[in-house]
Amino acid sequence: MQSYNFITTKLVAAQRTATDLLKSYFASYYSPEDPRTLISTPTYSVTSENVVVQLFAYSSAITRFAKTTGPVKPSPKLTGSALNNLVEALSRLFTAAGSNTVSVQLRIVRLHHPYLNSSILAQFLAVNASKYGFARLRHYVLSAIPLSTTTTQTVESSILGVKVQVSGLLTTQRMAPRKTVSTVSAGTFHGPGTHVDYSTHTSKSALGSYTVKV
């Protein structure tokens, strides 16, 4: 016998507010001692008494496109005390949206590379592209992201292909048309059990806004 859990309009609104809260928390001021932490779009598992929030996180100084770009020391935002305050805020938010006190579990999966999640990769490329331009972005995509050489999936997290499109002008493209669209792709998107993960991120440069699609 199957059971169903219907999510009310208030809980849907609470999820949207929770997503905004999480993005604001991790997008707050950072420095070399407090590196920027990029997060994926949160997913929610909701019952009448519990809410499980899961997201991926990547912490980096984000200074350049490089094959050796990797995680730095954990951000203070990921310490137990800081996260406890965040969980309490989320619990109050979801409790206000329902009739019962709601317990919130925040599950954060730390990634060692930005290309392991499309949402994080889109943000990472957008931050770097504004400063270094599309040529460096293209080099990073083609050289730093490891692609599987076979369509037979033996590892669930294998990356068969990647495609990145930048719509809009970067600071290195002052002479280009304002509606410039630049694309780079590598690998394949076809194979048994292939899943396409798609994300976008919009940012601004001195020449206006631009969007990175992964």
N, C-alpha and C. Protein backbone atom coordinates (compact mmCIF):
# COMPACT_ATOMS: atom_id res chain seq x y z
N MET A 1 0.84 -1.19 0.00
CA MET A 1 0.00 0.00 0.00
C MET A 1 0.88 1.25 0.00
N GLN A 2 0.64 2.16 -0.93
CA GLN A 2 1.42 3.37 -1.03
C GLN A 2 0.81 4.48 -0.19
N SER A 3 1.66 5.33 0.34
CA SER A 3 1.19 6.51 1.06
C SER A 3 1.69 7.75 0.33
N TYR A 4 0.93 8.82 0.44
CA TYR A 4 1.27 10.04 -0.26
C TYR A 4 1.36 11.20 0.71
N ASN A 5 2.30 12.09 0.44
CA ASN A 5 2.49 13.26 1.28
C ASN A 5 2.27 14.50 0.42
N PHE A 6 1.18 15.21 0.66
CA PHE A 6 0.86 16.38 -0.14
C PHE A 6 1.50 17.62 0.49
N ILE A 7 2.18 18.41 -0.33
CA ILE A 7 2.84 19.62 0.13
C ILE A 7 1.91 20.80 -0.06
N THR A 8 1.67 21.56 0.99
CA THR A 8 0.77 22.70 0.91
C THR A 8 1.45 23.87 0.22
N THR A 9 0.61 24.85 -0.16
CA THR A 9 1.13 26.05 -0.80
C THR A 9 2.11 26.78 0.11
N LYS A 10 1.81 26.78 1.43
CA LYS A 10 2.71 27.43 2.38
C LYS A 10 4.08 26.77 2.41
N LEU A 11 4.11 25.44 2.31
CA LEU A 11 5.39 24.74 2.32
C LEU A 11 6.17 24.99 1.04
N VAL A 12 5.47 25.10 -0.08
CA VAL A 12 6.15 25.43 -1.33
C VAL A 12 6.80 26.81 -1.23
N ALA A 13 6.06 27.76 -0.67
CA ALA A 13 6.60 29.10 -0.47
C ALA A 13 7.77 29.08 0.50
N ALA A 14 7.68 28.22 1.53
CA ALA A 14 8.76 28.10 2.51
C ALA A 14 10.02 27.55 1.86
N GLN A 15 9.86 26.61 0.93
CA GLN A 15 11.02 26.06 0.22
C GLN A 15 11.71 27.15 -0.60
N ARG A 16 10.93 27.98 -1.25
CA ARG A 16 11.52 29.05 -2.04
C ARG A 16 12.28 30.03 -1.15
N THR A 17 11.66 30.36 -0.01
CA THR A 17 12.33 31.27 0.93
C THR A 17 13.58 30.62 1.50
N ALA A 18 13.52 29.32 1.79
CA ALA A 18 14.68 28.61 2.32
C ALA A 18 15.82 28.61 1.31
N THR A 19 15.49 28.43 0.03
CA THR A 19 16.51 28.46 -1.02
C THR A 19 17.18 29.83 -1.07
N ASP A 20 16.37 30.89 -0.99
CA ASP A 20 16.93 32.25 -0.98
C ASP A 20 17.81 32.47 0.24
N LEU A 21 17.38 31.93 1.40
CA LEU A 21 18.15 32.07 2.63
C LEU A 21 19.50 31.37 2.50
N LEU A 22 19.51 30.16 1.95
CA LEU A 22 20.76 29.41 1.78
C LEU A 22 21.70 30.12 0.82
N LYS A 23 21.16 30.62 -0.28
CA LYS A 23 21.99 31.33 -1.26
C LYS A 23 22.60 32.59 -0.64
N SER A 24 21.79 33.32 0.13
CA SER A 24 22.28 34.54 0.77
C SER A 24 23.36 34.23 1.80
N TYR A 25 23.16 33.15 2.55
CA TYR A 25 24.12 32.77 3.59
C TYR A 25 25.49 32.47 2.98
N PHE A 26 25.52 31.68 1.90
CA PHE A 26 26.78 31.30 1.32
C PHE A 26 27.35 32.36 0.38
N ALA A 27 26.54 33.33 -0.03
CA ALA A 27 27.02 34.38 -0.92
C ALA A 27 27.48 35.61 -0.16
N SER A 28 27.45 35.56 1.15
CA SER A 28 27.85 36.71 1.94
C SER A 28 29.35 36.96 1.82
N TYR A 29 29.82 38.02 2.45
CA TYR A 29 31.21 38.48 2.31
C TYR A 29 32.20 37.34 2.51
N TYR A 30 33.23 37.34 1.66
CA TYR A 30 34.29 36.34 1.80
C TYR A 30 35.64 37.02 1.61
N SER A 31 36.69 36.36 2.06
CA SER A 31 38.05 36.86 1.95
C SER A 31 38.96 35.65 1.80
N PRO A 32 40.28 35.84 1.61
CA PRO A 32 41.18 34.68 1.54
C PRO A 32 41.09 33.77 2.76
N GLU A 33 40.76 34.38 3.92
CA GLU A 33 40.60 33.57 5.13
C GLU A 33 39.21 32.92 5.17
N ASP A 34 38.28 33.47 4.42
CA ASP A 34 36.92 32.95 4.37
C ASP A 34 36.54 32.81 2.90
N PRO A 35 36.96 31.73 2.25
CA PRO A 35 36.78 31.58 0.80
C PRO A 35 35.33 31.48 0.40
N ARG A 36 35.07 31.82 -0.84
CA ARG A 36 33.70 31.74 -1.35
C ARG A 36 33.26 30.28 -1.44
N THR A 37 32.03 30.04 -1.06
CA THR A 37 31.45 28.70 -1.15
C THR A 37 30.29 28.74 -2.13
N LEU A 38 30.40 27.98 -3.19
CA LEU A 38 29.33 27.87 -4.17
C LEU A 38 28.47 26.67 -3.82
N ILE A 39 27.16 26.82 -3.94
CA ILE A 39 26.26 25.71 -3.60
C ILE A 39 25.35 25.39 -4.78
N SER A 40 24.90 24.15 -4.82
CA SER A 40 23.94 23.73 -5.83
C SER A 40 22.54 24.15 -5.42
N THR A 41 21.58 23.94 -6.29
CA THR A 41 20.19 24.19 -5.94
C THR A 41 19.75 23.16 -4.90
N PRO A 42 19.25 23.57 -3.75
CA PRO A 42 18.87 22.61 -2.70
C PRO A 42 17.69 21.74 -3.13
N THR A 43 17.67 20.52 -2.61
CA THR A 43 16.51 19.64 -2.79
C THR A 43 15.89 19.40 -1.42
N TYR A 44 14.56 19.22 -1.40
CA TYR A 44 13.83 19.11 -0.14
C TYR A 44 13.03 17.82 -0.09
N SER A 45 13.12 17.15 1.06
CA SER A 45 12.28 15.99 1.34
C SER A 45 11.43 16.36 2.56
N VAL A 46 10.13 16.49 2.35
CA VAL A 46 9.25 17.08 3.36
C VAL A 46 8.24 16.06 3.87
N THR A 47 8.14 15.96 5.22
CA THR A 47 7.06 15.21 5.85
C THR A 47 6.37 16.16 6.83
N SER A 48 5.40 15.67 7.56
CA SER A 48 4.67 16.53 8.50
C SER A 48 5.53 16.96 9.67
N GLU A 49 6.62 16.22 9.95
CA GLU A 49 7.44 16.52 11.12
C GLU A 49 8.89 16.83 10.79
N ASN A 50 9.32 16.45 9.60
CA ASN A 50 10.74 16.62 9.27
C ASN A 50 10.91 17.20 7.88
N VAL A 51 11.98 17.96 7.72
CA VAL A 51 12.39 18.46 6.41
C VAL A 51 13.88 18.16 6.25
N VAL A 52 14.22 17.44 5.21
CA VAL A 52 15.62 17.15 4.91
C VAL A 52 16.03 18.02 3.73
N VAL A 53 17.04 18.86 3.95
CA VAL A 53 17.55 19.75 2.91
C VAL A 53 18.93 19.23 2.50
N GLN A 54 19.10 18.95 1.23
CA GLN A 54 20.38 18.43 0.75
C GLN A 54 20.91 19.33 -0.35
N LEU A 55 22.22 19.60 -0.30
CA LEU A 55 22.85 20.41 -1.33
C LEU A 55 24.33 20.03 -1.45
N PHE A 56 24.91 20.39 -2.58
CA PHE A 56 26.34 20.20 -2.80
C PHE A 56 27.03 21.54 -2.59
N ALA A 57 28.28 21.51 -2.11
CA ALA A 57 29.01 22.74 -1.83
C ALA A 57 30.45 22.60 -2.30
N TYR A 58 30.98 23.68 -2.83
CA TYR A 58 32.38 23.72 -3.27
C TYR A 58 32.99 25.02 -2.77
N SER A 59 34.04 24.90 -1.96
CA SER A 59 34.73 26.07 -1.42
C SER A 59 36.04 26.28 -2.16
N SER A 60 36.27 27.52 -2.61
CA SER A 60 37.48 27.82 -3.36
C SER A 60 37.77 29.30 -3.29
N ALA A 61 39.04 29.64 -3.43
CA ALA A 61 39.41 31.05 -3.53
C ALA A 61 38.94 31.61 -4.86
N ILE A 62 38.71 30.75 -5.86
CA ILE A 62 38.20 31.12 -7.18
C ILE A 62 38.99 32.30 -7.75
N THR A 63 40.26 32.09 -7.98
CA THR A 63 41.11 33.17 -8.48
C THR A 63 41.45 33.01 -9.96
N ARG A 64 41.37 31.80 -10.49
CA ARG A 64 41.77 31.63 -11.89
C ARG A 64 41.28 30.30 -12.42
N PHE A 65 41.18 30.21 -13.75
CA PHE A 65 40.95 28.93 -14.39
C PHE A 65 42.28 28.17 -14.35
N ALA A 66 42.30 27.02 -13.78
CA ALA A 66 43.53 26.24 -13.75
C ALA A 66 43.20 24.78 -13.50
N LYS A 67 44.04 23.93 -14.06
CA LYS A 67 43.81 22.50 -13.88
C LYS A 67 43.99 22.11 -12.42
N THR A 68 44.80 22.89 -11.71
CA THR A 68 45.09 22.58 -10.31
C THR A 68 44.14 23.28 -9.34
N THR A 69 43.16 24.02 -9.88
CA THR A 69 42.21 24.69 -8.99
C THR A 69 41.48 23.66 -8.14
N GLY A 70 41.58 23.76 -6.85
CA GLY A 70 40.95 22.78 -5.98
C GLY A 70 40.44 23.43 -4.72
N PRO A 71 39.86 22.65 -3.83
CA PRO A 71 39.31 23.22 -2.60
C PRO A 71 40.39 23.75 -1.68
N VAL A 72 40.08 24.78 -0.95
CA VAL A 72 40.99 25.32 0.04
C VAL A 72 40.49 24.86 1.41
N LYS A 73 41.07 25.42 2.47
CA LYS A 73 40.63 25.00 3.80
C LYS A 73 39.15 25.32 3.99
N PRO A 74 38.47 24.52 4.80
CA PRO A 74 37.03 24.69 4.97
C PRO A 74 36.64 26.11 5.37
N SER A 75 35.57 26.60 4.78
CA SER A 75 35.08 27.94 5.10
C SER A 75 34.47 27.95 6.50
N PRO A 76 34.61 29.06 7.24
CA PRO A 76 33.95 29.17 8.55
C PRO A 76 32.44 28.99 8.44
N LYS A 77 31.89 29.22 7.25
CA LYS A 77 30.45 29.03 7.07
C LYS A 77 30.05 27.57 7.19
N LEU A 78 31.03 26.66 7.07
CA LEU A 78 30.74 25.23 7.13
C LEU A 78 31.07 24.62 8.49
N THR A 79 31.37 25.45 9.49
CA THR A 79 31.64 24.94 10.83
C THR A 79 30.33 24.58 11.51
N GLY A 80 30.44 23.74 12.53
CA GLY A 80 29.24 23.26 13.22
C GLY A 80 28.40 24.35 13.82
N SER A 81 29.03 25.32 14.52
CA SER A 81 28.27 26.37 15.20
C SER A 81 27.53 27.26 14.20
N ALA A 82 28.19 27.60 13.10
CA ALA A 82 27.55 28.44 12.09
C ALA A 82 26.38 27.72 11.44
N LEU A 83 26.57 26.44 11.14
CA LEU A 83 25.51 25.67 10.50
C LEU A 83 24.35 25.42 11.45
N ASN A 84 24.63 25.29 12.75
CA ASN A 84 23.55 25.12 13.73
C ASN A 84 22.60 26.32 13.71
N ASN A 85 23.18 27.51 13.61
CA ASN A 85 22.34 28.72 13.54
C ASN A 85 21.52 28.73 12.26
N LEU A 86 22.12 28.26 11.17
CA LEU A 86 21.40 28.21 9.89
C LEU A 86 20.26 27.20 9.96
N VAL A 87 20.51 26.05 10.57
CA VAL A 87 19.46 25.03 10.71
C VAL A 87 18.32 25.55 11.58
N GLU A 88 18.64 26.28 12.65
CA GLU A 88 17.59 26.84 13.51
C GLU A 88 16.72 27.82 12.72
N ALA A 89 17.34 28.63 11.89
CA ALA A 89 16.58 29.58 11.08
C ALA A 89 15.67 28.85 10.09
N LEU A 90 16.18 27.78 9.49
CA LEU A 90 15.36 26.98 8.57
C LEU A 90 14.21 26.30 9.30
N SER A 91 14.48 25.82 10.52
CA SER A 91 13.44 25.16 11.30
C SER A 91 12.31 26.14 11.63
N ARG A 92 12.68 27.37 12.02
CA ARG A 92 11.65 28.37 12.31
C ARG A 92 10.83 28.69 11.07
N LEU A 93 11.50 28.72 9.93
CA LEU A 93 10.82 29.03 8.67
C LEU A 93 9.78 27.97 8.33
N PHE A 94 10.18 26.69 8.40
CA PHE A 94 9.25 25.61 8.04
C PHE A 94 8.18 25.40 9.11
N THR A 95 8.52 25.66 10.37
CA THR A 95 7.51 25.56 11.43
C THR A 95 6.42 26.60 11.23
N ALA A 96 6.79 27.80 10.82
CA ALA A 96 5.82 28.86 10.57
C ALA A 96 4.91 28.53 9.41
N ALA A 97 5.38 27.64 8.50
CA ALA A 97 4.58 27.29 7.32
C ALA A 97 3.62 26.13 7.60
N GLY A 98 3.76 25.48 8.77
CA GLY A 98 2.90 24.35 9.10
C GLY A 98 2.29 24.50 10.47
N SER A 99 1.59 23.47 10.89
CA SER A 99 0.91 23.51 12.19
C SER A 99 1.74 22.88 13.30
N ASN A 100 2.76 22.11 12.92
CA ASN A 100 3.59 21.42 13.91
C ASN A 100 5.01 21.96 13.89
N THR A 101 5.72 21.71 14.99
CA THR A 101 7.13 22.05 15.04
C THR A 101 7.89 21.12 14.10
N VAL A 102 8.69 21.69 13.23
CA VAL A 102 9.37 20.92 12.19
C VAL A 102 10.86 20.83 12.50
N SER A 103 11.39 19.61 12.44
CA SER A 103 12.82 19.37 12.60
C SER A 103 13.48 19.40 11.23
N VAL A 104 14.56 20.15 11.11
CA VAL A 104 15.25 20.30 9.83
C VAL A 104 16.61 19.62 9.90
N GLN A 105 16.90 18.80 8.90
CA GLN A 105 18.23 18.21 8.74
C GLN A 105 18.87 18.83 7.50
N LEU A 106 20.05 19.40 7.67
CA LEU A 106 20.78 20.00 6.55
C LEU A 106 21.95 19.09 6.18
N ARG A 107 21.88 18.52 5.00
CA ARG A 107 22.92 17.60 4.54
C ARG A 107 23.72 18.26 3.42
N ILE A 108 24.99 18.52 3.70
CA ILE A 108 25.86 19.19 2.74
C ILE A 108 26.93 18.20 2.26
N VAL A 109 26.99 18.00 0.97
CA VAL A 109 28.00 17.13 0.36
C VAL A 109 29.08 18.02 -0.23
N ARG A 110 30.28 17.98 0.32
CA ARG A 110 31.37 18.81 -0.17
C ARG A 110 31.98 18.20 -1.43
N LEU A 111 32.13 19.01 -2.45
CA LEU A 111 32.75 18.57 -3.70
C LEU A 111 34.19 19.07 -3.76
N HIS A 112 35.05 18.26 -4.38
CA HIS A 112 36.45 18.66 -4.51
C HIS A 112 36.73 19.36 -5.83
N HIS A 113 35.76 19.31 -6.75
CA HIS A 113 35.93 19.98 -8.05
C HIS A 113 34.60 20.60 -8.46
N PRO A 114 34.61 21.78 -9.06
CA PRO A 114 33.36 22.46 -9.43
C PRO A 114 32.58 21.77 -10.54
N TYR A 115 33.27 20.98 -11.38
CA TYR A 115 32.59 20.36 -12.52
C TYR A 115 31.77 19.12 -12.13
N LEU A 116 31.73 18.78 -10.86
CA LEU A 116 30.96 17.62 -10.43
C LEU A 116 29.47 17.94 -10.25
N ASN A 117 29.10 19.21 -10.39
CA ASN A 117 27.69 19.62 -10.32
C ASN A 117 27.49 20.76 -11.31
N SER A 118 26.46 20.67 -12.14
CA SER A 118 26.28 21.65 -13.20
C SER A 118 25.99 23.05 -12.66
N SER A 119 25.20 23.14 -11.58
CA SER A 119 24.88 24.44 -11.01
C SER A 119 26.12 25.13 -10.47
N ILE A 120 26.96 24.38 -9.76
CA ILE A 120 28.20 24.94 -9.22
C ILE A 120 29.16 25.30 -10.36
N LEU A 121 29.23 24.45 -11.39
CA LEU A 121 30.11 24.74 -12.52
C LEU A 121 29.69 26.02 -13.23
N ALA A 122 28.39 26.22 -13.42
CA ALA A 122 27.90 27.43 -14.07
C ALA A 122 28.31 28.68 -13.28
N GLN A 123 28.20 28.62 -11.96
CA GLN A 123 28.59 29.74 -11.12
C GLN A 123 30.09 29.98 -11.18
N PHE A 124 30.87 28.88 -11.10
CA PHE A 124 32.33 28.96 -11.13
C PHE A 124 32.82 29.59 -12.43
N LEU A 125 32.24 29.16 -13.56
CA LEU A 125 32.64 29.69 -14.85
C LEU A 125 32.25 31.16 -14.99
N ALA A 126 31.06 31.51 -14.48
CA ALA A 126 30.60 32.90 -14.57
C ALA A 126 31.51 33.83 -13.79
N VAL A 127 31.92 33.42 -12.59
CA VAL A 127 32.80 34.25 -11.77
C VAL A 127 34.14 34.47 -12.47
N ASN A 128 34.69 33.41 -13.04
CA ASN A 128 36.00 33.50 -13.68
C ASN A 128 35.94 34.17 -15.05
N ALA A 129 34.88 33.90 -15.80
CA ALA A 129 34.78 34.41 -17.17
C ALA A 129 34.78 35.93 -17.21
N SER A 130 34.17 36.56 -16.23
CA SER A 130 34.10 38.01 -16.20
C SER A 130 35.49 38.63 -16.16
N LYS A 131 36.43 37.94 -15.52
CA LYS A 131 37.78 38.49 -15.35
C LYS A 131 38.74 38.00 -16.42
N TYR A 132 38.62 36.74 -16.82
CA TYR A 132 39.62 36.14 -17.69
C TYR A 132 39.18 35.95 -19.14
N GLY A 133 37.88 36.09 -19.42
CA GLY A 133 37.42 36.00 -20.79
C GLY A 133 37.09 34.60 -21.26
N PHE A 134 36.50 34.53 -22.45
CA PHE A 134 36.00 33.25 -22.96
C PHE A 134 37.14 32.32 -23.37
N ALA A 135 38.26 32.85 -23.84
CA ALA A 135 39.37 32.00 -24.27
C ALA A 135 39.88 31.14 -23.11
N ARG A 136 39.99 31.74 -21.93
CA ARG A 136 40.45 30.98 -20.75
C ARG A 136 39.37 30.02 -20.30
N LEU A 137 38.11 30.43 -20.40
CA LEU A 137 37.01 29.54 -20.07
C LEU A 137 37.05 28.31 -20.97
N ARG A 138 37.23 28.54 -22.26
CA ARG A 138 37.29 27.44 -23.22
C ARG A 138 38.44 26.49 -22.89
N HIS A 139 39.60 27.05 -22.55
CA HIS A 139 40.76 26.22 -22.20
C HIS A 139 40.48 25.37 -20.97
N TYR A 140 39.81 25.97 -19.98
CA TYR A 140 39.49 25.22 -18.76
C TYR A 140 38.57 24.05 -19.07
N VAL A 141 37.51 24.31 -19.85
CA VAL A 141 36.55 23.26 -20.19
C VAL A 141 37.22 22.12 -20.94
N LEU A 142 38.10 22.44 -21.87
CA LEU A 142 38.72 21.42 -22.72
C LEU A 142 39.87 20.67 -22.04
N SER A 143 40.52 21.32 -21.07
CA SER A 143 41.71 20.70 -20.49
C SER A 143 41.55 20.23 -19.05
N ALA A 144 40.71 20.90 -18.27
CA ALA A 144 40.65 20.62 -16.83
C ALA A 144 39.53 19.69 -16.43
N ILE A 145 38.49 19.56 -17.27
CA ILE A 145 37.37 18.69 -16.93
C ILE A 145 37.61 17.31 -17.52
N PRO A 146 37.80 16.30 -16.68
CA PRO A 146 38.10 14.96 -17.18
C PRO A 146 36.86 14.29 -17.76
N LEU A 147 36.96 13.82 -19.00
CA LEU A 147 35.84 13.16 -19.65
C LEU A 147 36.12 11.67 -19.79
N SER A 148 35.07 10.87 -19.64
CA SER A 148 35.20 9.43 -19.81
C SER A 148 35.44 9.14 -21.28
N THR A 149 36.31 8.18 -21.57
CA THR A 149 36.64 7.85 -22.95
C THR A 149 35.79 6.71 -23.49
N THR A 150 34.84 6.24 -22.69
CA THR A 150 33.98 5.15 -23.14
C THR A 150 32.54 5.45 -22.79
N THR A 151 31.61 4.99 -23.61
CA THR A 151 30.19 5.19 -23.34
C THR A 151 29.64 4.11 -22.42
N THR A 152 30.47 3.14 -22.04
CA THR A 152 30.05 2.12 -21.08
C THR A 152 30.28 2.65 -19.68
N GLN A 153 29.21 2.99 -18.99
CA GLN A 153 29.31 3.61 -17.68
C GLN A 153 29.65 2.59 -16.61
N THR A 154 30.87 2.69 -16.07
CA THR A 154 31.26 1.83 -14.95
C THR A 154 31.26 2.60 -13.64
N VAL A 155 31.36 3.91 -13.74
CA VAL A 155 31.32 4.78 -12.56
C VAL A 155 30.15 5.73 -12.73
N GLU A 156 29.30 5.80 -11.71
CA GLU A 156 28.07 6.58 -11.83
C GLU A 156 28.32 8.05 -12.06
N SER A 157 29.46 8.56 -11.57
CA SER A 157 29.73 9.99 -11.69
C SER A 157 30.59 10.33 -12.90
N SER A 158 30.79 9.40 -13.82
CA SER A 158 31.60 9.66 -15.00
C SER A 158 30.98 10.77 -15.83
N ILE A 159 31.82 11.61 -16.41
CA ILE A 159 31.37 12.70 -17.27
C ILE A 159 31.71 12.34 -18.70
N LEU A 160 30.68 12.17 -19.52
CA LEU A 160 30.88 11.83 -20.93
C LEU A 160 31.13 13.07 -21.78
N GLY A 161 30.45 14.15 -21.46
CA GLY A 161 30.58 15.35 -22.27
C GLY A 161 30.17 16.59 -21.50
N VAL A 162 30.58 17.73 -22.00
CA VAL A 162 30.21 19.00 -21.38
C VAL A 162 30.07 20.04 -22.48
N LYS A 163 29.07 20.89 -22.34
CA LYS A 163 28.84 21.98 -23.28
C LYS A 163 28.56 23.25 -22.48
N VAL A 164 29.25 24.32 -22.82
CA VAL A 164 29.09 25.59 -22.12
C VAL A 164 28.78 26.68 -23.14
N GLN A 165 27.78 27.47 -22.85
CA GLN A 165 27.40 28.58 -23.72
C GLN A 165 27.34 29.86 -22.90
N VAL A 166 27.99 30.90 -23.40
CA VAL A 166 27.99 32.20 -22.73
C VAL A 166 27.25 33.19 -23.62
N SER A 167 26.16 33.75 -23.11
CA SER A 167 25.35 34.72 -23.86
C SER A 167 25.54 36.09 -23.24
N GLY A 168 26.02 37.04 -24.03
CA GLY A 168 26.29 38.38 -23.52
C GLY A 168 27.77 38.70 -23.64
N LEU A 169 28.13 39.91 -23.27
CA LEU A 169 29.50 40.37 -23.42
C LEU A 169 30.29 40.28 -22.13
N LEU A 170 31.54 39.81 -22.26
CA LEU A 170 32.49 39.82 -21.15
C LEU A 170 33.37 41.06 -21.31
N THR A 171 34.13 41.39 -20.28
CA THR A 171 34.95 42.60 -20.33
C THR A 171 36.05 42.50 -21.38
N THR A 172 36.37 41.30 -21.84
CA THR A 172 37.40 41.12 -22.87
C THR A 172 36.82 41.16 -24.27
N GLN A 173 35.52 41.44 -24.40
CA GLN A 173 34.86 41.43 -25.71
C GLN A 173 34.22 42.78 -26.03
N ARG A 174 34.92 43.86 -25.78
CA ARG A 174 34.36 45.20 -25.95
C ARG A 174 33.98 45.50 -27.39
N MET A 175 34.66 44.88 -28.35
CA MET A 175 34.41 45.17 -29.76
C MET A 175 33.39 44.21 -30.38
N ALA A 176 32.91 43.25 -29.61
CA ALA A 176 31.97 42.25 -30.13
C ALA A 176 30.54 42.78 -30.07
N PRO A 177 29.63 42.22 -30.90
CA PRO A 177 28.21 42.61 -30.83
C PRO A 177 27.63 42.31 -29.45
N ARG A 178 26.68 43.13 -29.00
CA ARG A 178 26.13 42.98 -27.66
C ARG A 178 25.43 41.64 -27.46
N LYS A 179 24.88 41.06 -28.53
CA LYS A 179 24.16 39.79 -28.43
C LYS A 179 25.06 38.60 -28.77
N THR A 180 26.33 38.72 -28.47
CA THR A 180 27.29 37.64 -28.76
C THR A 180 26.96 36.38 -27.96
N VAL A 181 27.02 35.23 -28.64
CA VAL A 181 26.86 33.92 -27.99
C VAL A 181 28.08 33.07 -28.32
N SER A 182 28.82 32.67 -27.30
CA SER A 182 30.02 31.86 -27.48
C SER A 182 29.79 30.48 -26.90
N THR A 183 30.23 29.44 -27.61
CA THR A 183 29.96 28.06 -27.18
C THR A 183 31.23 27.23 -27.27
N VAL A 184 31.40 26.34 -26.30
CA VAL A 184 32.47 25.34 -26.34
C VAL A 184 31.88 24.02 -25.85
N SER A 185 32.24 22.94 -26.51
CA SER A 185 31.74 21.63 -26.10
C SER A 185 32.82 20.58 -26.30
N ALA A 186 32.73 19.52 -25.56
CA ALA A 186 33.67 18.41 -25.65
C ALA A 186 32.97 17.12 -25.25
N GLY A 187 33.39 16.00 -25.84
CA GLY A 187 32.82 14.71 -25.49
C GLY A 187 31.49 14.47 -26.18
N THR A 188 30.73 13.55 -25.62
CA THR A 188 29.45 13.14 -26.19
C THR A 188 28.37 13.18 -25.14
N PHE A 189 27.11 13.25 -25.59
CA PHE A 189 25.97 13.26 -24.67
C PHE A 189 25.08 12.05 -24.91
N HIS A 190 25.61 11.04 -25.59
CA HIS A 190 24.84 9.85 -25.92
C HIS A 190 25.53 8.61 -25.35
N GLY A 191 24.74 7.74 -24.78
CA GLY A 191 25.27 6.50 -24.21
C GLY A 191 24.24 5.86 -23.33
N PRO A 192 24.41 4.58 -23.00
CA PRO A 192 23.44 3.89 -22.15
C PRO A 192 23.38 4.51 -20.76
N GLY A 193 22.17 4.84 -20.33
CA GLY A 193 22.00 5.40 -18.99
C GLY A 193 22.48 6.83 -18.84
N THR A 194 22.67 7.52 -19.98
CA THR A 194 23.17 8.89 -19.91
C THR A 194 22.14 9.83 -19.30
N HIS A 195 22.59 10.67 -18.38
CA HIS A 195 21.72 11.68 -17.76
C HIS A 195 22.32 13.05 -18.03
N VAL A 196 21.53 13.98 -18.58
CA VAL A 196 22.00 15.33 -18.87
C VAL A 196 21.63 16.25 -17.73
N ASP A 197 22.63 16.84 -17.11
CA ASP A 197 22.45 17.78 -16.00
C ASP A 197 22.64 19.19 -16.55
N TYR A 198 21.63 20.05 -16.40
CA TYR A 198 21.62 21.35 -17.05
C TYR A 198 21.41 22.46 -16.04
N SER A 199 22.21 23.53 -16.13
CA SER A 199 22.06 24.66 -15.21
C SER A 199 22.47 25.95 -15.91
N THR A 200 21.98 27.08 -15.38
CA THR A 200 22.37 28.40 -15.87
C THR A 200 22.71 29.31 -14.70
N HIS A 201 23.53 30.32 -14.98
CA HIS A 201 23.83 31.33 -13.95
C HIS A 201 24.06 32.66 -14.66
N THR A 202 23.39 33.70 -14.19
CA THR A 202 23.51 35.03 -14.77
C THR A 202 24.32 35.94 -13.85
N SER A 203 25.26 36.65 -14.44
CA SER A 203 26.10 37.56 -13.68
C SER A 203 26.25 38.86 -14.46
N LYS A 204 27.05 39.79 -13.94
CA LYS A 204 27.23 41.08 -14.59
C LYS A 204 28.70 41.41 -14.75
N SER A 205 29.00 42.08 -15.85
CA SER A 205 30.33 42.62 -16.07
C SER A 205 30.19 44.12 -16.31
N ALA A 206 31.29 44.79 -16.60
CA ALA A 206 31.24 46.23 -16.86
C ALA A 206 30.44 46.55 -18.11
N LEU A 207 30.22 45.55 -18.97
CA LEU A 207 29.50 45.74 -20.21
C LEU A 207 28.05 45.31 -20.13
N GLY A 208 27.61 44.85 -18.96
CA GLY A 208 26.23 44.42 -18.80
C GLY A 208 26.15 42.98 -18.30
N SER A 209 24.96 42.43 -18.29
CA SER A 209 24.77 41.08 -17.78
C SER A 209 25.10 40.03 -18.85
N TYR A 210 25.47 38.86 -18.39
CA TYR A 210 25.74 37.72 -19.28
C TYR A 210 25.30 36.45 -18.56
N THR A 211 24.99 35.42 -19.34
CA THR A 211 24.49 34.17 -18.78
C THR A 211 25.37 33.02 -19.22
N VAL A 212 25.71 32.17 -18.27
CA VAL A 212 26.48 30.96 -18.56
C VAL A 212 25.54 29.77 -18.44
N LYS A 213 25.45 29.00 -19.52
CA LYS A 213 24.63 27.79 -19.54
C LYS A 213 25.55 26.59 -19.61
N VAL A 214 25.34 25.61 -18.74
CA VAL A 214 26.16 24.39 -18.71
C VAL A 214 25.28 23.19 -18.99
